[in-house]
Protein backbone atom coordinates (compact mmCIF):
# COMPACT_ATOMS: atom_id res chain seq x y z
CA MET A 1 0.00 0.00 0.00
CA ASN A 2 1.16 3.50 -0.72
CA PHE A 3 2.51 5.54 2.23
CA PHE A 4 0.39 8.56 1.35
CA ILE A 5 -2.80 6.51 1.29
CA LEU A 6 -1.97 5.10 4.73
CA PHE A 7 -1.08 8.56 6.03
CA SER A 8 -4.37 10.02 4.79
CA LYS A 9 -6.33 7.49 6.87
CA ILE A 10 -4.67 8.55 10.16
CA PRO A 11 -6.66 10.99 12.34
CA THR A 12 -5.58 14.64 12.10
CA THR A 13 -4.37 14.85 15.71
CA ILE A 14 -2.05 11.89 15.24
CA LYS A 15 -0.78 13.37 11.97
CA ALA A 16 -0.01 16.61 13.82
CA ALA A 17 1.83 14.70 16.54
CA ILE A 18 3.90 12.77 13.98
CA ILE A 19 4.78 15.97 12.13
CA CYS A 20 5.77 17.71 15.40
CA CYS A 21 7.99 14.77 16.32
CA LEU A 22 9.65 14.82 12.92
CA ILE A 23 10.24 18.58 13.09
CA SER A 24 11.70 18.21 16.60
CA PHE A 25 13.99 15.41 15.46
CA VAL A 26 15.21 17.39 12.47
CA GLY A 27 15.77 20.48 14.63
CA PHE A 28 17.65 18.46 17.24
CA SER A 29 19.80 16.83 14.55
CA ILE A 30 20.65 20.16 12.93
CA THR A 31 21.47 21.72 16.31
CA LYS A 32 23.76 18.83 17.25
CA TYR A 33 25.52 18.95 13.89
CA PHE A 34 26.04 22.72 13.85
CA SER A 35 26.41 23.37 17.60
CA GLY A 36 30.17 23.57 17.54
CA GLU A 37 30.84 20.09 18.88
CA LYS A 38 33.85 19.97 16.58
CA ASP A 39 35.22 23.14 18.20
CA LYS A 40 34.69 21.76 21.71
CA SER A 41 36.69 18.63 21.00
CA ASN A 42 39.56 20.69 19.57
CA LEU A 43 40.03 23.00 22.54
CA PRO A 44 43.63 24.03 23.10
CA PRO A 45 45.14 22.96 26.40
CA PRO A 46 44.02 25.19 29.27
CA ILE A 47 46.46 27.67 30.81
CA THR A 48 45.07 26.86 34.26
CA LYS A 49 43.01 23.91 35.41
CA LYS A 50 41.75 22.68 38.76
CA VAL A 51 39.82 19.58 39.67
CA LEU A 52 37.32 20.68 42.30
CA LYS A 53 34.65 19.33 44.59
CA PHE A 54 31.88 21.54 45.94
CA GLU A 55 30.27 20.57 49.23
CA ASP A 56 27.40 22.18 51.10
CA HIS A 57 28.38 23.07 54.65
CA GLN A 58 26.05 23.05 57.67
CA ASP A 59 25.99 26.85 57.92
CA GLY A 60 24.73 27.18 54.33
CA SER A 61 28.10 28.00 52.80
CA VAL A 62 29.69 25.99 50.01
CA LEU A 63 33.16 24.56 50.45
CA VAL A 64 35.40 24.60 47.38
CA ILE A 65 37.83 21.70 47.69
CA ASP A 66 40.87 20.90 45.54
CA ALA A 67 40.15 17.26 44.66
CA LYS A 68 43.84 16.46 44.13
CA ASN A 69 44.84 17.03 47.75
CA ASN A 70 41.40 17.34 49.43
CA GLN A 71 42.24 20.83 50.76
CA ILE A 72 39.67 23.60 51.10
CA ILE A 73 40.64 26.47 48.79
CA ASP A 74 37.59 28.69 49.28
CA VAL A 75 34.35 29.02 51.19
CA ILE A 76 31.45 30.62 49.36
CA ARG A 77 29.13 32.42 51.77
CA GLY A 78 25.89 34.25 51.18
CA GLU A 79 23.75 34.00 48.11
CA ALA A 80 26.38 33.49 45.39
CA GLY A 81 23.45 32.96 43.05
CA PHE A 82 25.38 32.35 39.86
CA ILE A 83 27.81 29.85 41.37
CA ARG A 84 25.00 28.00 43.11
CA GLY A 85 22.97 27.99 39.89
CA VAL A 86 25.82 26.47 37.90
CA LEU A 87 26.35 23.83 40.57
CA ARG A 88 22.63 23.02 40.55
CA THR A 89 22.86 22.47 36.79
CA VAL A 90 25.68 19.97 37.27
CA THR A 91 23.81 18.24 40.11
CA ARG A 92 20.61 18.04 38.05
CA GLU A 93 22.42 16.46 35.10
CA ARG A 94 23.99 13.89 37.41
CA LYS A 95 20.67 13.05 39.06
CA ILE A 96 19.06 12.53 35.66
CA ARG A 97 21.77 9.96 34.92
CA GLY A 98 21.71 8.43 38.41
CA ILE A 99 25.24 9.61 39.26
CA GLY A 100 26.30 10.79 42.72
CA ASP A 101 26.90 14.50 43.18
CA HIS A 102 30.14 14.35 45.18
CA GLU A 103 32.51 13.55 42.33
CA PRO A 104 34.83 16.36 41.18
CA VAL A 105 34.44 18.68 38.20
CA GLU A 106 37.12 20.43 36.14
CA LEU A 107 37.43 24.20 36.02
CA SER A 108 39.71 25.48 33.24
CA ALA A 109 40.84 28.85 31.87
CA TYR A 110 42.05 29.35 28.31
CA ASN A 111 44.25 31.95 26.58
CA ASP A 112 41.27 33.44 24.75
CA GLY A 113 39.51 34.26 28.05
CA ARG A 114 37.16 31.30 28.19
CA ILE A 115 36.45 29.74 31.56
CA ILE A 116 34.83 26.32 31.26
CA LEU A 117 33.36 24.09 33.93
CA LEU A 118 33.33 20.47 32.76
CA ASP A 119 31.62 17.60 34.48
CA PRO A 120 33.55 14.61 33.16
CA LEU A 121 30.85 12.18 34.35
CA THR A 122 28.06 13.68 32.23
CA ASN A 123 30.19 15.60 29.72
CA THR A 124 28.25 18.73 30.71
CA ARG A 125 30.36 21.69 29.58
CA ILE A 126 29.40 25.15 30.79
CA GLU A 127 31.21 28.06 29.18
CA LEU A 128 30.94 30.57 32.01
CA ARG A 129 31.96 33.62 29.97
CA SER A 130 28.70 33.33 28.05
CA PHE A 131 26.86 34.42 31.25
CA GLY A 132 28.78 37.69 31.44
CA ALA A 133 32.22 38.79 32.56
CA GLY A 134 31.18 39.35 36.17
CA ASN A 135 29.78 35.85 36.53
CA ALA A 136 32.82 34.30 34.88
CA GLN A 137 35.03 36.33 37.23
CA ASN A 138 33.48 34.52 40.22
CA PHE A 139 34.84 31.24 38.88
CA ARG A 140 38.12 32.80 37.72
CA ALA A 141 38.71 33.91 41.33
CA ILE A 142 38.24 30.31 42.51
CA LEU A 143 40.62 29.13 39.83
CA MET A 144 43.32 31.58 40.87
CA LYS A 145 43.16 30.77 44.59
CA SER A 146 45.84 28.50 45.93
CA ASN A 147 45.36 26.03 48.73
CA SER A 148 45.39 27.62 52.14
């Protein structure tokens, strides 16, 4: 039987759903192909990189811990809305995949000014500069701190 004859016998609402699914799939495919994935895999080596763990503390602050030596390098107090928002994004992606949220992430700075937070468990890559220079500076400050 001809595809078009079969398609014409399907109710209109189901046709609309099929068309929406096809449009979504095509849009997703185009986005994945043109989203710069090639550029991401060809990143130059970072000029600075730290492997960090972030832990909530009892007083509401967030401890920033160097995962290589387990030393606290910063304590984030107060709202710190942007940092907390980024960390919630990483935590959400891990929960979706059923991964624990205490594993470290990588924070890297590049010669061209990019600051990227990478979760190696989910491959979530957040280019912090895209949220504005001030927000990226919050993470740059963490990156520049040495262990105390």
